Amino acid sequence: RFPAQRVRVRVRKPRVRLGLPVEHTAA
């Protein structure tokens, strides 16, 4: 969509259930 030379996208999931306390997961 945009005339970018580079794009970087980080997605965080704050309500993830891992069985232990965690702030978020991300990719």
mmCIF file of all heavy atoms, coordinates in Angstrom:
data_MODEL
# 
_entry.id   MODEL 
# 
loop_
_atom_site.group_PDB 
_atom_site.id 
_atom_site.type_symbol 
_atom_site.label_atom_id 
_atom_site.label_alt_id 
_atom_site.label_comp_id 
_atom_site.label_asym_id 
_atom_site.label_entity_id 
_atom_site.label_seq_id 
_atom_site.pdbx_PDB_ins_code 
_atom_site.Cartn_x 
_atom_site.Cartn_y 
_atom_site.Cartn_z 
_atom_site.occupancy 
_atom_site.B_iso_or_equiv 
_atom_site.pdbx_formal_charge 
_atom_site.auth_seq_id 
_atom_site.auth_comp_id 
_atom_site.auth_asym_id 
_atom_site.auth_atom_id 
_atom_site.pdbx_PDB_model_num 
ATOM 1   N N   . ARG A 1 1  ? 0.802  -1.235  0.000  1.00 0.00 ? 1  ARG A N   1 
ATOM 2   C CA  . ARG A 1 1  ? 0.000  0.000   0.000  1.00 0.00 ? 1  ARG A CA  1 
ATOM 3   C C   . ARG A 1 1  ? 0.832  1.282   0.000  1.00 0.00 ? 1  ARG A C   1 
ATOM 4   O O   . ARG A 1 1  ? 0.459  2.279   -0.601 1.00 0.00 ? 1  ARG A O   1 
ATOM 5   C CB  . ARG A 1 1  ? -0.931 -0.025  1.219  1.00 0.00 ? 1  ARG A CB  1 
ATOM 6   C CG  . ARG A 1 1  ? -1.652 1.270   1.557  1.00 0.00 ? 1  ARG A CG  1 
ATOM 7   C CD  . ARG A 1 1  ? -2.659 1.668   0.495  1.00 0.00 ? 1  ARG A CD  1 
ATOM 8   N NE  . ARG A 1 1  ? -3.329 2.897   0.841  1.00 0.00 ? 1  ARG A NE  1 
ATOM 9   C CZ  . ARG A 1 1  ? -2.869 4.121   0.559  1.00 0.00 ? 1  ARG A CZ  1 
ATOM 10  N NH1 . ARG A 1 1  ? -1.726 4.283   -0.050 1.00 0.00 ? 1  ARG A NH1 1 
ATOM 11  N NH2 . ARG A 1 1  ? -3.571 5.184   0.889  1.00 0.00 ? 1  ARG A NH2 1 
ATOM 12  N N   . PHE A 1 2  ? 1.966  1.273   0.703  1.00 0.00 ? 2  PHE A N   1 
ATOM 13  C CA  . PHE A 1 2  ? 2.746  2.498   0.886  1.00 0.00 ? 2  PHE A CA  1 
ATOM 14  C C   . PHE A 1 2  ? 4.111  2.392   0.204  1.00 0.00 ? 2  PHE A C   1 
ATOM 15  O O   . PHE A 1 2  ? 4.650  1.295   0.062  1.00 0.00 ? 2  PHE A O   1 
ATOM 16  C CB  . PHE A 1 2  ? 2.928  2.790   2.381  1.00 0.00 ? 2  PHE A CB  1 
ATOM 17  C CG  . PHE A 1 2  ? 1.633  3.002   3.101  1.00 0.00 ? 2  PHE A CG  1 
ATOM 18  C CD1 . PHE A 1 2  ? 1.132  2.034   3.961  1.00 0.00 ? 2  PHE A CD1 1 
ATOM 19  C CD2 . PHE A 1 2  ? 0.889  4.160   2.922  1.00 0.00 ? 2  PHE A CD2 1 
ATOM 20  C CE1 . PHE A 1 2  ? -0.071 2.212   4.632  1.00 0.00 ? 2  PHE A CE1 1 
ATOM 21  C CE2 . PHE A 1 2  ? -0.311 4.359   3.584  1.00 0.00 ? 2  PHE A CE2 1 
ATOM 22  C CZ  . PHE A 1 2  ? -0.792 3.378   4.437  1.00 0.00 ? 2  PHE A CZ  1 
ATOM 23  N N   . PRO A 1 3  ? 4.706  3.523   -0.166 1.00 0.00 ? 3  PRO A N   1 
ATOM 24  C CA  . PRO A 1 3  ? 5.993  3.508   -0.860 1.00 0.00 ? 3  PRO A CA  1 
ATOM 25  C C   . PRO A 1 3  ? 7.184  3.359   0.097  1.00 0.00 ? 3  PRO A C   1 
ATOM 26  O O   . PRO A 1 3  ? 8.169  4.074   -0.007 1.00 0.00 ? 3  PRO A O   1 
ATOM 27  C CB  . PRO A 1 3  ? 6.008  4.869   -1.562 1.00 0.00 ? 3  PRO A CB  1 
ATOM 28  C CG  . PRO A 1 3  ? 5.239  5.761   -0.646 1.00 0.00 ? 3  PRO A CG  1 
ATOM 29  C CD  . PRO A 1 3  ? 4.150  4.885   -0.078 1.00 0.00 ? 3  PRO A CD  1 
ATOM 30  N N   . ALA A 1 4  ? 7.083  2.433   1.013  1.00 0.00 ? 4  ALA A N   1 
ATOM 31  C CA  . ALA A 1 4  ? 8.147  2.212   1.997  1.00 0.00 ? 4  ALA A CA  1 
ATOM 32  C C   . ALA A 1 4  ? 9.235  1.322   1.403  1.00 0.00 ? 4  ALA A C   1 
ATOM 33  O O   . ALA A 1 4  ? 8.952  0.418   0.614  1.00 0.00 ? 4  ALA A O   1 
ATOM 34  C CB  . ALA A 1 4  ? 7.566  1.565   3.247  1.00 0.00 ? 4  ALA A CB  1 
ATOM 35  N N   . GLN A 1 5  ? 10.465 1.571   1.832  1.00 0.00 ? 5  GLN A N   1 
ATOM 36  C CA  . GLN A 1 5  ? 11.585 0.711   1.439  1.00 0.00 ? 5  GLN A CA  1 
ATOM 37  C C   . GLN A 1 5  ? 11.693 -0.478  2.390  1.00 0.00 ? 5  GLN A C   1 
ATOM 38  O O   . GLN A 1 5  ? 12.173 -1.536  2.017  1.00 0.00 ? 5  GLN A O   1 
ATOM 39  C CB  . GLN A 1 5  ? 12.895 1.501   1.445  1.00 0.00 ? 5  GLN A CB  1 
ATOM 40  C CG  . GLN A 1 5  ? 12.939 2.588   0.385  1.00 0.00 ? 5  GLN A CG  1 
ATOM 41  C CD  . GLN A 1 5  ? 12.650 2.024   -0.992 1.00 0.00 ? 5  GLN A CD  1 
ATOM 42  O OE1 . GLN A 1 5  ? 13.274 1.060   -1.434 1.00 0.00 ? 5  GLN A OE1 1 
ATOM 43  N NE2 . GLN A 1 5  ? 11.687 2.610   -1.691 1.00 0.00 ? 5  GLN A NE2 1 
ATOM 44  N N   . ARG A 1 6  ? 11.215 -0.254  3.627  1.00 0.00 ? 6  ARG A N   1 
ATOM 45  C CA  . ARG A 1 6  ? 11.260 -1.299  4.651  1.00 0.00 ? 6  ARG A CA  1 
ATOM 46  C C   . ARG A 1 6  ? 10.068 -1.115  5.571  1.00 0.00 ? 6  ARG A C   1 
ATOM 47  O O   . ARG A 1 6  ? 9.693  0.006   5.886  1.00 0.00 ? 6  ARG A O   1 
ATOM 48  C CB  . ARG A 1 6  ? 12.553 -1.177  5.468  1.00 0.00 ? 6  ARG A CB  1 
ATOM 49  C CG  . ARG A 1 6  ? 12.690 -2.203  6.590  1.00 0.00 ? 6  ARG A CG  1 
ATOM 50  C CD  . ARG A 1 6  ? 13.933 -1.943  7.444  1.00 0.00 ? 6  ARG A CD  1 
ATOM 51  N NE  . ARG A 1 6  ? 13.870 -0.688  8.161  1.00 0.00 ? 6  ARG A NE  1 
ATOM 52  C CZ  . ARG A 1 6  ? 13.268 -0.520  9.352  1.00 0.00 ? 6  ARG A CZ  1 
ATOM 53  N NH1 . ARG A 1 6  ? 12.651 -1.526  9.938  1.00 0.00 ? 6  ARG A NH1 1 
ATOM 54  N NH2 . ARG A 1 6  ? 13.273 0.656   9.946  1.00 0.00 ? 6  ARG A NH2 1 
ATOM 55  N N   . VAL A 1 7  ? 9.477  -2.229  5.987  1.00 0.00 ? 7  VAL A N   1 
ATOM 56  C CA  . VAL A 1 7  ? 8.440  -2.186  7.013  1.00 0.00 ? 7  VAL A CA  1 
ATOM 57  C C   . VAL A 1 7  ? 8.792  -3.206  8.083  1.00 0.00 ? 7  VAL A C   1 
ATOM 58  O O   . VAL A 1 7  ? 9.379  -4.255  7.787  1.00 0.00 ? 7  VAL A O   1 
ATOM 59  C CB  . VAL A 1 7  ? 7.012  -2.440  6.470  1.00 0.00 ? 7  VAL A CB  1 
ATOM 60  C CG1 . VAL A 1 7  ? 6.599  -1.385  5.468  1.00 0.00 ? 7  VAL A CG1 1 
ATOM 61  C CG2 . VAL A 1 7  ? 6.882  -3.819  5.884  1.00 0.00 ? 7  VAL A CG2 1 
ATOM 62  N N   . ARG A 1 8  ? 8.447  -2.857  9.297  1.00 0.00 ? 8  ARG A N   1 
ATOM 63  C CA  . ARG A 1 8  ? 8.672  -3.749  10.439 1.00 0.00 ? 8  ARG A CA  1 
ATOM 64  C C   . ARG A 1 8  ? 7.389  -3.727  11.267 1.00 0.00 ? 8  ARG A C   1 
ATOM 65  O O   . ARG A 1 8  ? 6.886  -2.654  11.607 1.00 0.00 ? 8  ARG A O   1 
ATOM 66  C CB  . ARG A 1 8  ? 9.841  -3.251  11.275 1.00 0.00 ? 8  ARG A CB  1 
ATOM 67  C CG  . ARG A 1 8  ? 10.217 -4.150  12.422 1.00 0.00 ? 8  ARG A CG  1 
ATOM 68  C CD  . ARG A 1 8  ? 11.488 -3.590  13.103 1.00 0.00 ? 8  ARG A CD  1 
ATOM 69  N NE  . ARG A 1 8  ? 11.938 -4.474  14.137 1.00 0.00 ? 8  ARG A NE  1 
ATOM 70  C CZ  . ARG A 1 8  ? 11.566 -4.394  15.415 1.00 0.00 ? 8  ARG A CZ  1 
ATOM 71  N NH1 . ARG A 1 8  ? 10.721 -3.450  15.803 1.00 0.00 ? 8  ARG A NH1 1 
ATOM 72  N NH2 . ARG A 1 8  ? 12.025 -5.231  16.299 1.00 0.00 ? 8  ARG A NH2 1 
ATOM 73  N N   . VAL A 1 9  ? 6.868  -4.914  11.568 1.00 0.00 ? 9  VAL A N   1 
ATOM 74  C CA  . VAL A 1 9  ? 5.622  -5.027  12.321 1.00 0.00 ? 9  VAL A CA  1 
ATOM 75  C C   . VAL A 1 9  ? 5.849  -5.967  13.497 1.00 0.00 ? 9  VAL A C   1 
ATOM 76  O O   . VAL A 1 9  ? 6.300  -7.102  13.319 1.00 0.00 ? 9  VAL A O   1 
ATOM 77  C CB  . VAL A 1 9  ? 4.472  -5.570  11.444 1.00 0.00 ? 9  VAL A CB  1 
ATOM 78  C CG1 . VAL A 1 9  ? 3.204  -5.749  12.263 1.00 0.00 ? 9  VAL A CG1 1 
ATOM 79  C CG2 . VAL A 1 9  ? 4.227  -4.653  10.251 1.00 0.00 ? 9  VAL A CG2 1 
ATOM 80  N N   . ARG A 1 10 ? 5.530  -5.470  14.674 1.00 0.00 ? 10 ARG A N   1 
ATOM 81  C CA  . ARG A 1 10 ? 5.571  -6.282  15.890 1.00 0.00 ? 10 ARG A CA  1 
ATOM 82  C C   . ARG A 1 10 ? 4.140  -6.382  16.412 1.00 0.00 ? 10 ARG A C   1 
ATOM 83  O O   . ARG A 1 10 ? 3.457  -5.365  16.540 1.00 0.00 ? 10 ARG A O   1 
ATOM 84  C CB  . ARG A 1 10 ? 6.457  -5.620  16.929 1.00 0.00 ? 10 ARG A CB  1 
ATOM 85  C CG  . ARG A 1 10 ? 6.563  -6.409  18.222 1.00 0.00 ? 10 ARG A CG  1 
ATOM 86  C CD  . ARG A 1 10 ? 7.509  -5.697  19.171 1.00 0.00 ? 10 ARG A CD  1 
ATOM 87  N NE  . ARG A 1 10 ? 7.744  -6.526  20.339 1.00 0.00 ? 10 ARG A NE  1 
ATOM 88  C CZ  . ARG A 1 10 ? 7.865  -6.042  21.563 1.00 0.00 ? 10 ARG A CZ  1 
ATOM 89  N NH1 . ARG A 1 10 ? 7.799  -4.740  21.778 1.00 0.00 ? 10 ARG A NH1 1 
ATOM 90  N NH2 . ARG A 1 10 ? 8.083  -6.843  22.567 1.00 0.00 ? 10 ARG A NH2 1 
ATOM 91  N N   . VAL A 1 11 ? 3.693  -7.599  16.686 1.00 0.00 ? 11 VAL A N   1 
ATOM 92  C CA  . VAL A 1 11 ? 2.363  -7.825  17.245 1.00 0.00 ? 11 VAL A CA  1 
ATOM 93  C C   . VAL A 1 11 ? 2.544  -8.432  18.630 1.00 0.00 ? 11 VAL A C   1 
ATOM 94  O O   . VAL A 1 11 ? 3.236  -9.441  18.792 1.00 0.00 ? 11 VAL A O   1 
ATOM 95  C CB  . VAL A 1 11 ? 1.525  -8.793  16.376 1.00 0.00 ? 11 VAL A CB  1 
ATOM 96  C CG1 . VAL A 1 11 ? 0.130  -8.960  16.960 1.00 0.00 ? 11 VAL A CG1 1 
ATOM 97  C CG2 . VAL A 1 11 ? 1.460  -8.319  14.948 1.00 0.00 ? 11 VAL A CG2 1 
ATOM 98  N N   . ARG A 1 12 ? 1.895  -7.791  19.614 1.00 0.00 ? 12 ARG A N   1 
ATOM 99  C CA  . ARG A 1 12 ? 1.933  -8.290  20.990 1.00 0.00 ? 12 ARG A CA  1 
ATOM 100 C C   . ARG A 1 12 ? 0.547  -8.770  21.399 1.00 0.00 ? 12 ARG A C   1 
ATOM 101 O O   . ARG A 1 12 ? -0.449 -8.159  21.033 1.00 0.00 ? 12 ARG A O   1 
ATOM 102 C CB  . ARG A 1 12 ? 2.390  -7.182  21.945 1.00 0.00 ? 12 ARG A CB  1 
ATOM 103 C CG  . ARG A 1 12 ? 3.849  -6.823  21.760 1.00 0.00 ? 12 ARG A CG  1 
ATOM 104 C CD  . ARG A 1 12 ? 4.254  -5.682  22.646 1.00 0.00 ? 12 ARG A CD  1 
ATOM 105 N NE  . ARG A 1 12 ? 3.849  -4.424  21.994 1.00 0.00 ? 12 ARG A NE  1 
ATOM 106 C CZ  . ARG A 1 12 ? 3.641  -3.295  22.642 1.00 0.00 ? 12 ARG A CZ  1 
ATOM 107 N NH1 . ARG A 1 12 ? 3.756  -3.224  23.950 1.00 0.00 ? 12 ARG A NH1 1 
ATOM 108 N NH2 . ARG A 1 12 ? 3.297  -2.212  21.975 1.00 0.00 ? 12 ARG A NH2 1 
ATOM 109 N N   . LYS A 1 13 ? 0.539  -9.840  22.168 1.00 0.00 ? 13 LYS A N   1 
ATOM 110 C CA  . LYS A 1 13 ? -0.706 -10.389 22.689 1.00 0.00 ? 13 LYS A CA  1 
ATOM 111 C C   . LYS A 1 13 ? -0.627 -10.328 24.214 1.00 0.00 ? 13 LYS A C   1 
ATOM 112 O O   . LYS A 1 13 ? 0.046  -11.151 24.843 1.00 0.00 ? 13 LYS A O   1 
ATOM 113 C CB  . LYS A 1 13 ? -0.887 -11.830 22.209 1.00 0.00 ? 13 LYS A CB  1 
ATOM 114 C CG  . LYS A 1 13 ? -2.191 -12.460 22.603 1.00 0.00 ? 13 LYS A CG  1 
ATOM 115 C CD  . LYS A 1 13 ? -2.287 -13.841 21.969 1.00 0.00 ? 13 LYS A CD  1 
ATOM 116 C CE  . LYS A 1 13 ? -3.601 -14.490 22.298 1.00 0.00 ? 13 LYS A CE  1 
ATOM 117 N NZ  . LYS A 1 13 ? -3.722 -15.787 21.621 1.00 0.00 ? 13 LYS A NZ  1 
ATOM 118 N N   . PRO A 1 14 ? -1.290 -9.333  24.826 1.00 0.00 ? 14 PRO A N   1 
ATOM 119 C CA  . PRO A 1 14 ? -1.154 -9.156  26.268 1.00 0.00 ? 14 PRO A CA  1 
ATOM 120 C C   . PRO A 1 14 ? -1.938 -10.145 27.126 1.00 0.00 ? 14 PRO A C   1 
ATOM 121 O O   . PRO A 1 14 ? -1.573 -10.377 28.271 1.00 0.00 ? 14 PRO A O   1 
ATOM 122 C CB  . PRO A 1 14 ? -1.647 -7.728  26.512 1.00 0.00 ? 14 PRO A CB  1 
ATOM 123 C CG  . PRO A 1 14 ? -2.446 -7.365  25.321 1.00 0.00 ? 14 PRO A CG  1 
ATOM 124 C CD  . PRO A 1 14 ? -1.979 -8.227  24.189 1.00 0.00 ? 14 PRO A CD  1 
ATOM 125 N N   . ARG A 1 15 ? -2.973 -10.739 26.609 1.00 0.00 ? 15 ARG A N   1 
ATOM 126 C CA  . ARG A 1 15 ? -3.807 -11.646 27.419 1.00 0.00 ? 15 ARG A CA  1 
ATOM 127 C C   . ARG A 1 15 ? -3.546 -13.112 27.095 1.00 0.00 ? 15 ARG A C   1 
ATOM 128 O O   . ARG A 1 15 ? -4.477 -13.900 26.947 1.00 0.00 ? 15 ARG A O   1 
ATOM 129 C CB  . ARG A 1 15 ? -5.283 -11.323 27.225 1.00 0.00 ? 15 ARG A CB  1 
ATOM 130 C CG  . ARG A 1 15 ? -5.674 -9.991  27.792 1.00 0.00 ? 15 ARG A CG  1 
ATOM 131 C CD  . ARG A 1 15 ? -7.169 -9.832  27.785 1.00 0.00 ? 15 ARG A CD  1 
ATOM 132 N NE  . ARG A 1 15 ? -7.534 -8.456  28.083 1.00 0.00 ? 15 ARG A NE  1 
ATOM 133 C CZ  . ARG A 1 15 ? -8.691 -7.922  27.779 1.00 0.00 ? 15 ARG A CZ  1 
ATOM 134 N NH1 . ARG A 1 15 ? -9.612 -8.639  27.164 1.00 0.00 ? 15 ARG A NH1 1 
ATOM 135 N NH2 . ARG A 1 15 ? -8.944 -6.665  28.078 1.00 0.00 ? 15 ARG A NH2 1 
ATOM 136 N N   . VAL A 1 16 ? -2.294 -13.455 27.000 1.00 0.00 ? 16 VAL A N   1 
ATOM 137 C CA  . VAL A 1 16 ? -1.935 -14.838 26.678 1.00 0.00 ? 16 VAL A CA  1 
ATOM 138 C C   . VAL A 1 16 ? -1.909 -15.672 27.959 1.00 0.00 ? 16 VAL A C   1 
ATOM 139 O O   . VAL A 1 16 ? -1.550 -15.186 29.027 1.00 0.00 ? 16 VAL A O   1 
ATOM 140 C CB  . VAL A 1 16 ? -0.576 -14.886 25.939 1.00 0.00 ? 16 VAL A CB  1 
ATOM 141 C CG1 . VAL A 1 16 ? 0.552  -14.426 26.830 1.00 0.00 ? 16 VAL A CG1 1 
ATOM 142 C CG2 . VAL A 1 16 ? -0.298 -16.253 25.385 1.00 0.00 ? 16 VAL A CG2 1 
ATOM 143 N N   . ARG A 1 17 ? -2.327 -16.924 27.841 1.00 0.00 ? 17 ARG A N   1 
ATOM 144 C CA  . ARG A 1 17 ? -2.345 -17.838 28.987 1.00 0.00 ? 17 ARG A CA  1 
ATOM 145 C C   . ARG A 1 17 ? -1.254 -18.895 28.792 1.00 0.00 ? 17 ARG A C   1 
ATOM 146 O O   . ARG A 1 17 ? -1.360 -19.745 27.906 1.00 0.00 ? 17 ARG A O   1 
ATOM 147 C CB  . ARG A 1 17 ? -3.700 -18.513 29.103 1.00 0.00 ? 17 ARG A CB  1 
ATOM 148 C CG  . ARG A 1 17 ? -4.806 -17.553 29.435 1.00 0.00 ? 17 ARG A CG  1 
ATOM 149 C CD  . ARG A 1 17 ? -6.106 -18.276 29.582 1.00 0.00 ? 17 ARG A CD  1 
ATOM 150 N NE  . ARG A 1 17 ? -7.193 -17.302 29.709 1.00 0.00 ? 17 ARG A NE  1 
ATOM 151 C CZ  . ARG A 1 17 ? -8.457 -17.609 29.589 1.00 0.00 ? 17 ARG A CZ  1 
ATOM 152 N NH1 . ARG A 1 17 ? -8.809 -18.848 29.336 1.00 0.00 ? 17 ARG A NH1 1 
ATOM 153 N NH2 . ARG A 1 17 ? -9.374 -16.681 29.715 1.00 0.00 ? 17 ARG A NH2 1 
ATOM 154 N N   . LEU A 1 18 ? -0.242 -18.825 29.642 1.00 0.00 ? 18 LEU A N   1 
ATOM 155 C CA  . LEU A 1 18 ? 0.865  -19.782 29.546 1.00 0.00 ? 18 LEU A CA  1 
ATOM 156 C C   . LEU A 1 18 ? 1.002  -20.651 30.796 1.00 0.00 ? 18 LEU A C   1 
ATOM 157 O O   . LEU A 1 18 ? 1.900  -21.463 30.880 1.00 0.00 ? 18 LEU A O   1 
ATOM 158 C CB  . LEU A 1 18 ? 2.187  -19.030 29.313 1.00 0.00 ? 18 LEU A CB  1 
ATOM 159 C CG  . LEU A 1 18 ? 2.287  -18.220 28.039 1.00 0.00 ? 18 LEU A CG  1 
ATOM 160 C CD1 . LEU A 1 18 ? 3.641  -17.528 27.953 1.00 0.00 ? 18 LEU A CD1 1 
ATOM 161 C CD2 . LEU A 1 18 ? 2.061  -19.080 26.809 1.00 0.00 ? 18 LEU A CD2 1 
ATOM 162 N N   . GLY A 1 19 ? 0.151  -20.422 31.784 1.00 0.00 ? 19 GLY A N   1 
ATOM 163 C CA  . GLY A 1 19 ? 0.259  -21.162 33.024 1.00 0.00 ? 19 GLY A CA  1 
ATOM 164 C C   . GLY A 1 19 ? 1.219  -20.526 34.014 1.00 0.00 ? 19 GLY A C   1 
ATOM 165 O O   . GLY A 1 19 ? 1.348  -20.974 35.137 1.00 0.00 ? 19 GLY A O   1 
ATOM 166 N N   . LEU A 1 20 ? 1.906  -19.490 33.579 1.00 0.00 ? 20 LEU A N   1 
ATOM 167 C CA  . LEU A 1 20 ? 2.812  -18.699 34.410 1.00 0.00 ? 20 LEU A CA  1 
ATOM 168 C C   . LEU A 1 20 ? 2.574  -17.230 34.087 1.00 0.00 ? 20 LEU A C   1 
ATOM 169 O O   . LEU A 1 20 ? 2.133  -16.903 32.970 1.00 0.00 ? 20 LEU A O   1 
ATOM 170 C CB  . LEU A 1 20 ? 4.276  -19.057 34.115 1.00 0.00 ? 20 LEU A CB  1 
ATOM 171 C CG  . LEU A 1 20 ? 4.717  -20.464 34.514 1.00 0.00 ? 20 LEU A CG  1 
ATOM 172 C CD1 . LEU A 1 20 ? 6.079  -20.770 33.921 1.00 0.00 ? 20 LEU A CD1 1 
ATOM 173 C CD2 . LEU A 1 20 ? 4.753  -20.599 36.027 1.00 0.00 ? 20 LEU A CD2 1 
ATOM 174 N N   . PRO A 1 21 ? 2.894  -16.340 35.012 1.00 0.00 ? 21 PRO A N   1 
ATOM 175 C CA  . PRO A 1 21 ? 2.714  -14.910 34.722 1.00 0.00 ? 21 PRO A CA  1 
ATOM 176 C C   . PRO A 1 21 ? 3.588  -14.466 33.540 1.00 0.00 ? 21 PRO A C   1 
ATOM 177 O O   . PRO A 1 21 ? 4.752  -14.851 33.441 1.00 0.00 ? 21 PRO A O   1 
ATOM 178 C CB  . PRO A 1 21 ? 3.164  -14.218 36.011 1.00 0.00 ? 21 PRO A CB  1 
ATOM 179 C CG  . PRO A 1 21 ? 3.111  -15.265 37.060 1.00 0.00 ? 21 PRO A CG  1 
ATOM 180 C CD  . PRO A 1 21 ? 3.363  -16.573 36.371 1.00 0.00 ? 21 PRO A CD  1 
ATOM 181 N N   . VAL A 1 22 ? 2.989  -13.685 32.668 1.00 0.00 ? 22 VAL A N   1 
ATOM 182 C CA  . VAL A 1 22 ? 3.718  -13.160 31.512 1.00 0.00 ? 22 VAL A CA  1 
ATOM 183 C C   . VAL A 1 22 ? 3.069  -11.841 31.106 1.00 0.00 ? 22 VAL A C   1 
ATOM 184 O O   . VAL A 1 22 ? 1.851  -11.692 31.166 1.00 0.00 ? 22 VAL A O   1 
ATOM 185 C CB  . VAL A 1 22 ? 3.721  -14.171 30.333 1.00 0.00 ? 22 VAL A CB  1 
ATOM 186 C CG1 . VAL A 1 22 ? 2.325  -14.441 29.823 1.00 0.00 ? 22 VAL A CG1 1 
ATOM 187 C CG2 . VAL A 1 22 ? 4.630  -13.715 29.211 1.00 0.00 ? 22 VAL A CG2 1 
ATOM 188 N N   . GLU A 1 23 ? 3.876  -10.882 30.725 1.00 0.00 ? 23 GLU A N   1 
ATOM 189 C CA  . GLU A 1 23 ? 3.347  -9.578  30.297 1.00 0.00 ? 23 GLU A CA  1 
ATOM 190 C C   . GLU A 1 23 ? 2.661  -9.675  28.941 1.00 0.00 ? 23 GLU A C   1 
ATOM 191 O O   . GLU A 1 23 ? 1.575  -9.163  28.744 1.00 0.00 ? 23 GLU A O   1 
ATOM 192 C CB  . GLU A 1 23 ? 4.485  -8.562  30.224 1.00 0.00 ? 23 GLU A CB  1 
ATOM 193 C CG  . GLU A 1 23 ? 4.025  -7.165  29.855 1.00 0.00 ? 23 GLU A CG  1 
ATOM 194 C CD  . GLU A 1 23 ? 5.169  -6.178  29.843 1.00 0.00 ? 23 GLU A CD  1 
ATOM 195 O OE1 . GLU A 1 23 ? 5.775  -5.967  30.902 1.00 0.00 ? 23 GLU A OE1 1 
ATOM 196 O OE2 . GLU A 1 23 ? 5.451  -5.641  28.758 1.00 0.00 ? 23 GLU A OE2 1 
ATOM 197 N N   . HIS A 1 24 ? 3.325  -10.330 28.002 1.00 0.00 ? 24 HIS A N   1 
ATOM 198 C CA  . HIS A 1 24 ? 2.762  -10.530 26.667 1.00 0.00 ? 24 HIS A CA  1 
ATOM 199 C C   . HIS A 1 24 ? 3.653  -11.488 25.891 1.00 0.00 ? 24 HIS A C   1 
ATOM 200 O O   . HIS A 1 24 ? 4.781  -11.752 26.284 1.00 0.00 ? 24 HIS A O   1 
ATOM 201 C CB  . HIS A 1 24 ? 2.624  -9.200  25.899 1.00 0.00 ? 24 HIS A CB  1 
ATOM 202 C CG  . HIS A 1 24 ? 3.934  -8.525  25.613 1.00 0.00 ? 24 HIS A CG  1 
ATOM 203 N ND1 . HIS A 1 24 ? 4.418  -7.502  26.372 1.00 0.00 ? 24 HIS A ND1 1 
ATOM 204 C CD2 . HIS A 1 24 ? 4.860  -8.727  24.640 1.00 0.00 ? 24 HIS A CD2 1 
ATOM 205 C CE1 . HIS A 1 24 ? 5.574  -7.101  25.897 1.00 0.00 ? 24 HIS A CE1 1 
ATOM 206 N NE2 . HIS A 1 24 ? 5.861  -7.833  24.840 1.00 0.00 ? 24 HIS A NE2 1 
ATOM 207 N N   . THR A 1 25 ? 3.129  -11.980 24.791 1.00 0.00 ? 25 THR A N   1 
ATOM 208 C CA  . THR A 1 25 ? 3.948  -12.670 23.803 1.00 0.00 ? 25 THR A CA  1 
ATOM 209 C C   . THR A 1 25 ? 3.979  -11.772 22.581 1.00 0.00 ? 25 THR A C   1 
ATOM 210 O O   . THR A 1 25 ? 3.131  -10.890 22.419 1.00 0.00 ? 25 THR A O   1 
ATOM 211 C CB  . THR A 1 25 ? 3.381  -14.052 23.436 1.00 0.00 ? 25 THR A CB  1 
ATOM 212 O OG1 . THR A 1 25 ? 2.038  -13.906 22.991 1.00 0.00 ? 25 THR A OG1 1 
ATOM 213 C CG2 . THR A 1 25 ? 3.429  -15.002 24.634 1.00 0.00 ? 25 THR A CG2 1 
ATOM 214 N N   . ALA A 1 26 ? 4.961  -11.987 21.700 1.00 0.00 ? 26 ALA A N   1 
ATOM 215 C CA  . ALA A 1 26 ? 5.084  -11.100 20.538 1.00 0.00 ? 26 ALA A CA  1 
ATOM 216 C C   . ALA A 1 26 ? 5.781  -11.828 19.388 1.00 0.00 ? 26 ALA A C   1 
ATOM 217 O O   . ALA A 1 26 ? 6.507  -12.807 19.591 1.00 0.00 ? 26 ALA A O   1 
ATOM 218 C CB  . ALA A 1 26 ? 5.885  -9.853  20.918 1.00 0.00 ? 26 ALA A CB  1 
ATOM 219 N N   . ALA A 1 27 ? 5.525  -11.319 18.200 1.00 0.00 ? 27 ALA A N   1 
ATOM 220 C CA  . ALA A 1 27 ? 6.236  -11.757 17.002 1.00 0.00 ? 27 ALA A CA  1 
ATOM 221 C C   . ALA A 1 27 ? 6.521  -10.521 16.158 1.00 0.00 ? 27 ALA A C   1 
ATOM 222 O O   . ALA A 1 27 ? 5.695  -9.607  16.104 1.00 0.00 ? 27 ALA A O   1 
ATOM 223 C CB  . ALA A 1 27 ? 5.409  -12.768 16.215 1.00 0.00 ? 27 ALA A CB  1 
# 
